[in-house]
Amino acid sequence: MGECRPFRQSESARPEVQTLTPGWAELYGFYVAPRAQRQGVGHALWQAALRWCLDQGYRDLGLWVLADNVPAIRFYQRCGLRDLGLDQDFKIDAQPLVEKLMARTLARSA
């Protein structure tokens, strides 16, 4: 599953993120069930997300990924996204977590 939408603008985000991301699309909630991984499902979802972004006129796409989710980071790197070095800390149920902002510029040939 996954969703694309305008990039969320959070008042708690780093100023660099607030400045960089207006006008971007955000890939949000991009998950593939473990039993469906390594079968092309992620690639198909990625292609659908790219088509939607391009059809909507977006030129840049970003997403947040948990810093310790190495398989997801590798997948996104294969999709052309790069780590922007703008990590942000947050907590879920008092557990500290770090997420990375990854992004890429879109092109019709993507």
Protein backbone atom coordinates (compact mmCIF):
# COMPACT_ATOMS: atom_id res chain seq x y z
CA MET A 1 0.00 0.00 0.00
CA GLY A 2 1.08 3.57 -0.35
CA GLU A 3 -0.19 7.03 -1.00
CA CYS A 4 1.13 10.10 -2.75
CA ARG A 5 0.02 13.55 -1.77
CA PRO A 6 1.42 17.05 -1.36
CA PHE A 7 4.39 17.00 1.02
CA ARG A 8 3.29 17.53 4.62
CA GLN A 9 4.47 20.81 6.07
CA SER A 10 5.05 20.45 9.80
CA GLU A 11 5.81 23.36 12.10
CA SER A 12 8.10 21.02 14.06
CA ALA A 13 10.19 20.13 11.00
CA ARG A 14 13.70 21.46 10.62
CA PRO A 15 13.78 24.86 8.88
CA GLU A 16 15.73 23.31 5.98
CA VAL A 17 12.91 20.84 5.40
CA GLN A 18 10.28 23.56 5.56
CA THR A 19 12.22 25.60 2.98
CA LEU A 20 13.05 22.70 0.66
CA THR A 21 9.79 20.78 0.33
CA PRO A 22 6.99 23.19 -0.71
CA GLY A 23 5.61 21.98 -4.02
CA TRP A 24 6.92 18.44 -3.53
CA ALA A 25 4.92 15.24 -3.59
CA GLU A 26 5.30 12.90 -0.63
CA LEU A 27 5.19 9.12 -0.77
CA TYR A 28 3.48 8.15 2.44
CA GLY A 29 2.69 4.79 3.99
CA PHE A 30 4.61 2.77 1.39
CA TYR A 31 4.62 -0.79 2.69
CA VAL A 32 4.76 -4.23 1.11
CA ALA A 33 3.75 -7.23 3.21
CA PRO A 34 6.74 -9.47 3.93
CA ARG A 35 5.23 -12.40 2.02
CA ALA A 36 4.93 -10.19 -1.10
CA GLN A 37 8.43 -8.70 -0.94
CA ARG A 38 11.02 -9.52 -3.62
CA GLN A 39 8.24 -10.31 -6.11
CA GLY A 40 8.01 -7.00 -7.97
CA VAL A 41 5.16 -5.60 -5.89
CA GLY A 42 7.23 -2.71 -4.56
CA HIS A 43 8.47 -1.87 -8.04
CA ALA A 44 4.89 -1.87 -9.41
CA LEU A 45 3.73 0.39 -6.57
CA TRP A 46 6.72 2.67 -7.15
CA GLN A 47 5.91 2.96 -10.86
CA ALA A 48 2.28 3.79 -10.08
CA ALA A 49 3.39 6.46 -7.59
CA LEU A 50 5.73 8.00 -10.17
CA ARG A 51 2.99 8.09 -12.80
CA TRP A 52 0.61 9.79 -10.37
CA CYS A 53 3.22 12.39 -9.38
CA LEU A 54 4.05 13.18 -12.98
CA ASP A 55 0.37 13.32 -13.98
CA GLN A 56 -0.20 15.80 -11.14
CA GLY A 57 2.70 17.95 -12.33
CA TYR A 58 5.12 17.30 -9.48
CA ARG A 59 8.83 17.66 -10.21
CA ASP A 60 10.15 16.42 -6.85
CA LEU A 61 9.22 13.53 -4.59
CA GLY A 62 10.24 12.99 -0.99
CA LEU A 63 9.55 10.49 1.75
CA TRP A 64 10.44 9.79 5.35
CA VAL A 65 11.91 6.40 6.22
CA LEU A 66 12.99 5.06 9.58
CA ALA A 67 16.77 5.28 9.77
CA ASP A 68 17.10 1.66 10.89
CA ASN A 69 14.98 0.29 8.04
CA VAL A 70 17.95 -0.70 5.89
CA PRO A 71 15.97 -2.82 3.37
CA ALA A 72 13.60 0.09 2.67
CA ILE A 73 16.47 2.54 2.34
CA ARG A 74 18.17 0.24 -0.17
CA PHE A 75 14.93 -0.09 -2.15
CA TYR A 76 14.49 3.68 -2.26
CA GLN A 77 18.11 4.12 -3.33
CA ARG A 78 17.51 1.70 -6.21
CA CYS A 79 14.53 3.89 -7.13
CA GLY A 80 16.82 6.89 -7.38
CA LEU A 81 16.13 8.57 -4.05
CA ARG A 82 18.99 9.92 -2.00
CA ASP A 83 19.39 10.65 1.68
CA LEU A 84 19.31 14.42 2.13
CA GLY A 85 20.99 14.28 5.54
CA LEU A 86 18.02 16.00 7.19
CA ASP A 87 17.18 13.38 9.81
CA GLN A 88 14.56 14.16 12.39
CA ASP A 89 13.95 12.62 15.78
CA PHE A 90 10.52 11.75 17.14
CA LYS A 91 8.88 9.39 19.61
CA ILE A 92 6.16 6.79 19.40
CA ASP A 93 4.93 5.53 22.77
CA ALA A 94 8.00 7.16 24.38
CA GLN A 95 10.34 5.17 22.10
CA PRO A 96 12.85 7.47 20.38
CA LEU A 97 13.07 7.01 16.62
CA VAL A 98 14.92 8.69 13.78
CA GLU A 99 13.63 9.11 10.27
CA LYS A 100 15.56 10.13 7.17
CA LEU A 101 14.30 12.40 4.43
CA MET A 102 14.97 10.84 1.04
CA ALA A 103 14.11 12.53 -2.24
CA ARG A 104 14.58 12.67 -5.98
CA THR A 105 13.74 14.90 -8.89
CA LEU A 106 11.22 13.35 -11.24
CA ALA A 107 11.54 13.01 -14.99
CA ARG A 108 9.17 11.67 -17.59
CA SER A 109 11.49 8.72 -18.23
CA ALA A 110 11.41 7.62 -14.55
